[in-house]
Amino acid sequence: MHFITHPEVMIDPAVPVPRWPLAPTGIARMRALAALPEMAGLRAVWASTECKAIEGAGILAARFGLPVRVLEALGENDRSATGYLPETEFQAVADQFFARPEESVRGWERAVDAQARIVAAVAKVREESPDGPVAVVAHGGVGALLRAHLAGAPIARCWDQPGAGCRFIVQPGQPPGSWMPLPAA
């Protein structure tokens, strides 16, 4: 399974975060990813219900003539209590989210709950997908939580992606692969 985080988005503080679309650079990076040889042979493409994930999944799915399957449980940790936060403030709250996984930081979904949700969602994707390569287009926060779970490690920020638009490989019974940036546009 290719676990892919959406690349660059068009940030608009007036629009709810789940409705942000991909930025032109993000679209170009998803197209570059779809063209990679290791993406050939995809049998299923999944996305969270967020606009940016559906758009990214749509680019992959269109390349291979596949539908996009949408699963709400693949969504990012629920941050609706704060909505948009400026970058510096967002990073500080994200640090607390990972450092205090059993607490709700500023009303955000607890990291332990988001982790249980993404682990169950990935299991459902596996169960409902045909044999062969599968792509999931989701989000960095839950991707970090999934990587920690797969490694058998505590929740920590060190499992987070190095920047927007990364991917790693999930193989049953194996530790998670390293984050790999999506190709440049």
C-alpha atoms as a PDB file:
ATOM      1  CA  MET A   1       0.000   0.000   0.000  1.00  0.00           C
ATOM      2  CA  HIS A   2       1.195   3.477  -0.896  1.00  0.00           C
ATOM      3  CA  PHE A   3       0.195   5.892   1.900  1.00  0.00           C
ATOM      4  CA  ILE A   4       0.357   9.342   0.316  1.00  0.00           C
ATOM      5  CA  THR A   5      -0.142  12.701   1.981  1.00  0.00           C
ATOM      6  CA  HIS A   6      -1.660  15.491  -0.035  1.00  0.00           C
ATOM      7  CA  PRO A   7       0.842  18.049  -1.317  1.00  0.00           C
ATOM      8  CA  GLU A   8       0.542  21.850  -1.277  1.00  0.00           C
ATOM      9  CA  VAL A   9      -2.914  23.365  -0.826  1.00  0.00           C
ATOM     10  CA  MET A  10      -4.526  26.744  -1.401  1.00  0.00           C
ATOM     11  CA  ILE A  11      -4.757  28.100   2.145  1.00  0.00           C
ATOM     12  CA  ASP A  12      -7.779  30.311   2.757  1.00  0.00           C
ATOM     13  CA  PRO A  13      -8.523  31.174   6.404  1.00  0.00           C
ATOM     14  CA  ALA A  14     -12.136  31.973   5.395  1.00  0.00           C
ATOM     15  CA  VAL A  15     -12.719  28.409   4.135  1.00  0.00           C
ATOM     16  CA  PRO A  16     -12.937  25.369   6.445  1.00  0.00           C
ATOM     17  CA  VAL A  17      -9.644  23.435   6.248  1.00  0.00           C
ATOM     18  CA  PRO A  18     -11.273  20.213   4.929  1.00  0.00           C
ATOM     19  CA  ARG A  19     -12.512  22.176   1.890  1.00  0.00           C
ATOM     20  CA  TRP A  20      -9.115  23.540   0.838  1.00  0.00           C
ATOM     21  CA  PRO A  21      -8.180  22.431  -2.697  1.00  0.00           C
ATOM     22  CA  LEU A  22      -4.760  21.485  -3.987  1.00  0.00           C
ATOM     23  CA  ALA A  23      -2.580  24.357  -5.153  1.00  0.00           C
ATOM     24  CA  PRO A  24      -1.267  24.262  -8.742  1.00  0.00           C
ATOM     25  CA  THR A  25       2.090  22.984  -7.433  1.00  0.00           C
ATOM     26  CA  GLY A  26       0.300  20.238  -5.502  1.00  0.00           C
ATOM     27  CA  ILE A  27      -1.608  19.191  -8.628  1.00  0.00           C
ATOM     28  CA  ALA A  28       1.624  19.069 -10.628  1.00  0.00           C
ATOM     29  CA  ARG A  29       3.327  16.965  -7.939  1.00  0.00           C
ATOM     30  CA  MET A  30       0.441  14.468  -7.900  1.00  0.00           C
ATOM     31  CA  ARG A  31       0.675  14.206 -11.703  1.00  0.00           C
ATOM     32  CA  ALA A  32       4.415  13.565 -11.401  1.00  0.00           C
ATOM     33  CA  LEU A  33       3.723  10.862  -8.798  1.00  0.00           C
ATOM     34  CA  ALA A  34       1.139   9.201 -11.060  1.00  0.00           C
ATOM     35  CA  ALA A  35       3.776   8.983 -13.804  1.00  0.00           C
ATOM     36  CA  LEU A  36       6.297   7.072 -11.651  1.00  0.00           C
ATOM     37  CA  PRO A  37       6.861   3.425 -12.639  1.00  0.00           C
ATOM     38  CA  GLU A  38       6.170   2.222  -9.077  1.00  0.00           C
ATOM     39  CA  MET A  39       2.621   3.567  -9.343  1.00  0.00           C
ATOM     40  CA  ALA A  40       1.861   1.382 -12.377  1.00  0.00           C
ATOM     41  CA  GLY A  41      -0.522  -1.434 -11.663  1.00  0.00           C
ATOM     42  CA  LEU A  42      -2.552   0.303  -8.972  1.00  0.00           C
ATOM     43  CA  ARG A  43      -5.676  -1.741  -8.296  1.00  0.00           C
ATOM     44  CA  ALA A  44      -7.506   0.708  -6.018  1.00  0.00           C
ATOM     45  CA  VAL A  45      -7.291   4.358  -4.984  1.00  0.00           C
ATOM     46  CA  TRP A  46      -8.740   5.635  -1.720  1.00  0.00           C
ATOM     47  CA  ALA A  47      -9.072   9.113  -0.185  1.00  0.00           C
ATOM     48  CA  SER A  48     -10.376  10.826   2.903  1.00  0.00           C
ATOM     49  CA  THR A  49     -13.427  13.043   2.487  1.00  0.00           C
ATOM     50  CA  GLU A  50     -11.309  16.204   2.391  1.00  0.00           C
ATOM     51  CA  CYS A  51     -11.196  18.091  -0.913  1.00  0.00           C
ATOM     52  CA  LYS A  52      -7.400  18.049  -1.200  1.00  0.00           C
ATOM     53  CA  ALA A  53      -7.228  14.271  -0.672  1.00  0.00           C
ATOM     54  CA  ILE A  54     -10.044  13.567  -3.142  1.00  0.00           C
ATOM     55  CA  GLU A  55      -8.383  15.790  -5.750  1.00  0.00           C
ATOM     56  CA  GLY A  56      -5.032  14.055  -5.286  1.00  0.00           C
ATOM     57  CA  ALA A  57      -6.624  10.615  -5.427  1.00  0.00           C
ATOM     58  CA  GLY A  58      -8.535  11.652  -8.534  1.00  0.00           C
ATOM     59  CA  ILE A  59      -5.293  12.423 -10.348  1.00  0.00           C
ATOM     60  CA  LEU A  60      -3.927   8.962  -9.546  1.00  0.00           C
ATOM     61  CA  ALA A  61      -7.210   7.203 -10.307  1.00  0.00           C
ATOM     62  CA  ALA A  62      -7.655   8.967 -13.654  1.00  0.00           C
ATOM     63  CA  ARG A  63      -4.185   7.879 -14.759  1.00  0.00           C
ATOM     64  CA  PHE A  64      -5.172   4.234 -14.295  1.00  0.00           C
ATOM     65  CA  GLY A  65      -8.891   4.358 -15.110  1.00  0.00           C
ATOM     66  CA  LEU A  66      -9.927   3.627 -11.528  1.00  0.00           C
ATOM     67  CA  PRO A  67     -12.657   5.084  -9.329  1.00  0.00           C
ATOM     68  CA  VAL A  68     -11.797   6.928  -6.133  1.00  0.00           C
ATOM     69  CA  ARG A  69     -13.152   5.235  -3.028  1.00  0.00           C
ATOM     70  CA  VAL A  70     -13.780   7.686  -0.199  1.00  0.00           C
ATOM     71  CA  LEU A  71     -13.572   6.780   3.475  1.00  0.00           C
ATOM     72  CA  GLU A  72     -14.184   9.395   6.161  1.00  0.00           C
ATOM     73  CA  ALA A  73     -12.017   7.523   8.686  1.00  0.00           C
ATOM     74  CA  LEU A  74      -8.940   8.309   6.541  1.00  0.00           C
ATOM     75  CA  GLY A  75      -9.336  11.987   7.499  1.00  0.00           C
ATOM     76  CA  GLU A  76      -6.833  14.156   9.301  1.00  0.00           C
ATOM     77  CA  ASN A  77      -7.040  14.553  13.060  1.00  0.00           C
ATOM     78  CA  ASP A  78     -10.097  16.674  13.809  1.00  0.00           C
ATOM     79  CA  ARG A  79      -8.911  20.234  14.360  1.00  0.00           C
ATOM     80  CA  SER A  80     -12.278  21.913  13.858  1.00  0.00           C
ATOM     81  CA  ALA A  81     -12.177  23.348  17.395  1.00  0.00           C
ATOM     82  CA  THR A  82      -9.520  25.815  16.272  1.00  0.00           C
ATOM     83  CA  GLY A  83     -10.014  25.880  12.509  1.00  0.00           C
ATOM     84  CA  TYR A  84      -7.246  27.633  10.605  1.00  0.00           C
ATOM     85  CA  LEU A  85      -4.196  28.579  12.657  1.00  0.00           C
ATOM     86  CA  PRO A  86      -1.271  30.651  11.362  1.00  0.00           C
ATOM     87  CA  GLU A  87       1.742  28.421  10.612  1.00  0.00           C
ATOM     88  CA  THR A  88       3.793  29.194  13.741  1.00  0.00           C
ATOM     89  CA  GLU A  89       0.827  28.675  16.040  1.00  0.00           C
ATOM     90  CA  PHE A  90      -0.246  25.544  14.137  1.00  0.00           C
ATOM     91  CA  GLN A  91       3.213  23.976  14.534  1.00  0.00           C
ATOM     92  CA  ALA A  92       3.244  24.739  18.277  1.00  0.00           C
ATOM     93  CA  VAL A  93      -0.181  23.121  18.750  1.00  0.00           C
ATOM     94  CA  ALA A  94       0.854  20.153  16.590  1.00  0.00           C
ATOM     95  CA  ASP A  95       3.906  19.695  18.834  1.00  0.00           C
ATOM     96  CA  GLN A  96       1.563  19.504  21.835  1.00  0.00           C
ATOM     97  CA  PHE A  97      -0.786  17.115  19.972  1.00  0.00           C
ATOM     98  CA  PHE A  98       2.060  14.622  19.504  1.00  0.00           C
ATOM     99  CA  ALA A  99       3.626  15.226  22.950  1.00  0.00           C
ATOM    100  CA  ARG A 100       0.358  14.727  24.877  1.00  0.00           C
ATOM    101  CA  PRO A 101      -1.425  12.022  22.860  1.00  0.00           C
ATOM    102  CA  GLU A 102      -3.989  11.163  25.542  1.00  0.00           C
ATOM    103  CA  GLU A 103      -5.155  14.768  25.908  1.00  0.00           C
ATOM    104  CA  SER A 104      -7.266  16.960  23.681  1.00  0.00           C
ATOM    105  CA  VAL A 105      -5.066  19.945  22.923  1.00  0.00           C
ATOM    106  CA  ARG A 106      -7.182  23.074  22.348  1.00  0.00           C
ATOM    107  CA  GLY A 107     -10.155  20.885  21.501  1.00  0.00           C
ATOM    108  CA  TRP A 108      -8.382  18.839  18.810  1.00  0.00           C
ATOM    109  CA  GLU A 109      -9.111  15.133  18.502  1.00  0.00           C
ATOM    110  CA  ARG A 110      -6.805  13.212  20.827  1.00  0.00           C
ATOM    111  CA  ALA A 111      -3.823  11.632  19.057  1.00  0.00           C
ATOM    112  CA  VAL A 112      -4.629   8.201  20.531  1.00  0.00           C
ATOM    113  CA  ASP A 113      -8.142   8.381  19.072  1.00  0.00           C
ATOM    114  CA  ALA A 114      -6.948   9.579  15.670  1.00  0.00           C
ATOM    115  CA  GLN A 115      -4.374   6.777  15.652  1.00  0.00           C
ATOM    116  CA  ALA A 116      -6.968   4.090  16.431  1.00  0.00           C
ATOM    117  CA  ARG A 117      -9.182   5.509  13.678  1.00  0.00           C
ATOM    118  CA  ILE A 118      -6.482   5.559  10.972  1.00  0.00           C
ATOM    119  CA  VAL A 119      -5.270   2.059  11.881  1.00  0.00           C
ATOM    120  CA  ALA A 120      -8.843   0.733  11.577  1.00  0.00           C
ATOM    121  CA  ALA A 121      -9.355   2.665   8.327  1.00  0.00           C
ATOM    122  CA  VAL A 122      -6.225   1.187   6.732  1.00  0.00           C
ATOM    123  CA  ALA A 123      -7.373  -2.295   7.787  1.00  0.00           C
ATOM    124  CA  LYS A 124     -10.739  -1.626   6.116  1.00  0.00           C
ATOM    125  CA  VAL A 125      -9.003  -0.419   2.942  1.00  0.00           C
ATOM    126  CA  ARG A 126      -6.995  -3.650   2.839  1.00  0.00           C
ATOM    127  CA  GLU A 127     -10.106  -5.779   3.376  1.00  0.00           C
ATOM    128  CA  GLU A 128     -12.138  -4.015   0.697  1.00  0.00           C
ATOM    129  CA  SER A 129      -9.432  -3.659  -1.970  1.00  0.00           C
ATOM    130  CA  PRO A 130      -8.425  -6.214  -4.577  1.00  0.00           C
ATOM    131  CA  ASP A 131      -5.040  -7.902  -4.304  1.00  0.00           C
ATOM    132  CA  GLY A 132      -2.224  -5.782  -5.659  1.00  0.00           C
ATOM    133  CA  PRO A 133      -0.980  -2.231  -5.180  1.00  0.00           C
ATOM    134  CA  VAL A 134      -3.347   0.204  -3.481  1.00  0.00           C
ATOM    135  CA  ALA A 135      -2.952   3.957  -2.968  1.00  0.00           C
ATOM    136  CA  VAL A 136      -4.397   5.908  -0.049  1.00  0.00           C
ATOM    137  CA  VAL A 137      -4.311   9.703  -0.311  1.00  0.00           C
ATOM    138  CA  ALA A 138      -4.697  11.168   3.151  1.00  0.00           C
ATOM    139  CA  HIS A 139      -2.888  13.476   5.559  1.00  0.00           C
ATOM    140  CA  GLY A 140       0.391  13.993   7.377  1.00  0.00           C
ATOM    141  CA  GLY A 141      -0.814  13.940  10.977  1.00  0.00           C
ATOM    142  CA  VAL A 142      -2.615  10.619  10.696  1.00  0.00           C
ATOM    143  CA  GLY A 143       0.214   9.325   8.512  1.00  0.00           C
ATOM    144  CA  ALA A 144       2.626   9.994  11.383  1.00  0.00           C
ATOM    145  CA  LEU A 145       0.290   8.232  13.810  1.00  0.00           C
ATOM    146  CA  LEU A 146       0.028   5.244  11.459  1.00  0.00           C
ATOM    147  CA  ARG A 147       3.817   5.055  11.064  1.00  0.00           C
ATOM    148  CA  ALA A 148       4.291   5.048  14.858  1.00  0.00           C
ATOM    149  CA  HIS A 149       1.731   2.247  15.207  1.00  0.00           C
ATOM    150  CA  LEU A 150       3.323   0.157  12.449  1.00  0.00           C
ATOM    151  CA  ALA A 151       6.732   0.595  14.085  1.00  0.00           C
ATOM    152  CA  GLY A 152       5.359  -0.427  17.487  1.00  0.00           C
ATOM    153  CA  ALA A 153       6.543   2.911  18.845  1.00  0.00           C
ATOM    154  CA  PRO A 154       4.933   5.563  21.025  1.00  0.00           C
ATOM    155  CA  ILE A 155       3.217   8.500  19.372  1.00  0.00           C
ATOM    156  CA  ALA A 156       5.808  11.219  18.769  1.00  0.00           C
ATOM    157  CA  ARG A 157       6.416  14.059  16.342  1.00  0.00           C
ATOM    158  CA  CYS A 158       9.519  12.277  15.003  1.00  0.00           C
ATOM    159  CA  TRP A 159       7.172  10.079  12.897  1.00  0.00           C
ATOM    160  CA  ASP A 160       5.798  13.150  11.081  1.00  0.00           C
ATOM    161  CA  GLN A 161       6.489  13.874   7.427  1.00  0.00           C
ATOM    162  CA  PRO A 162       9.310  16.295   6.564  1.00  0.00           C
ATOM    163  CA  GLY A 163       6.936  18.510   4.550  1.00  0.00           C
ATOM    164  CA  ALA A 164       3.666  18.508   2.643  1.00  0.00           C
ATOM    165  CA  GLY A 165       3.338  15.860  -0.024  1.00  0.00           C
ATOM    166  CA  CYS A 166       5.134  12.691   1.055  1.00  0.00           C
ATOM    167  CA  ARG A 167       4.502   8.960   0.941  1.00  0.00           C
ATOM    168  CA  PHE A 168       5.585   5.719   2.532  1.00  0.00           C
ATOM    169  CA  ILE A 169       4.995   2.051   1.844  1.00  0.00           C
ATOM    170  CA  VAL A 170       2.815  -0.076   4.134  1.00  0.00           C
ATOM    171  CA  GLN A 171       3.388  -3.829   3.989  1.00  0.00           C
ATOM    172  CA  PRO A 172       1.526  -6.179   6.339  1.00  0.00           C
ATOM    173  CA  GLY A 173       3.697  -7.294   9.237  1.00  0.00           C
ATOM    174  CA  GLN A 174       6.541  -4.953   8.272  1.00  0.00           C
ATOM    175  CA  PRO A 175       7.751  -1.731   9.871  1.00  0.00           C
ATOM    176  CA  PRO A 176       6.736   1.343   7.900  1.00  0.00           C
ATOM    177  CA  GLY A 177       8.899   2.586   5.098  1.00  0.00           C
ATOM    178  CA  SER A 178      10.600   5.959   5.387  1.00  0.00           C
ATOM    179  CA  TRP A 179       8.862   9.104   4.237  1.00  0.00           C
ATOM    180  CA  MET A 180       9.660   9.875   0.599  1.00  0.00           C
ATOM    181  CA  PRO A 181       8.819  13.317  -0.805  1.00  0.00           C
ATOM    182  CA  LEU A 182       6.510  13.335  -3.804  1.00  0.00           C
ATOM    183  CA  PRO A 183       8.335  14.250  -7.008  1.00  0.00           C
ATOM    184  CA  ALA A 184       8.887  17.916  -7.739  1.00  0.00           C
ATOM    185  CA  ALA A 185       6.576  19.484 -10.273  1.00  0.00           C
END
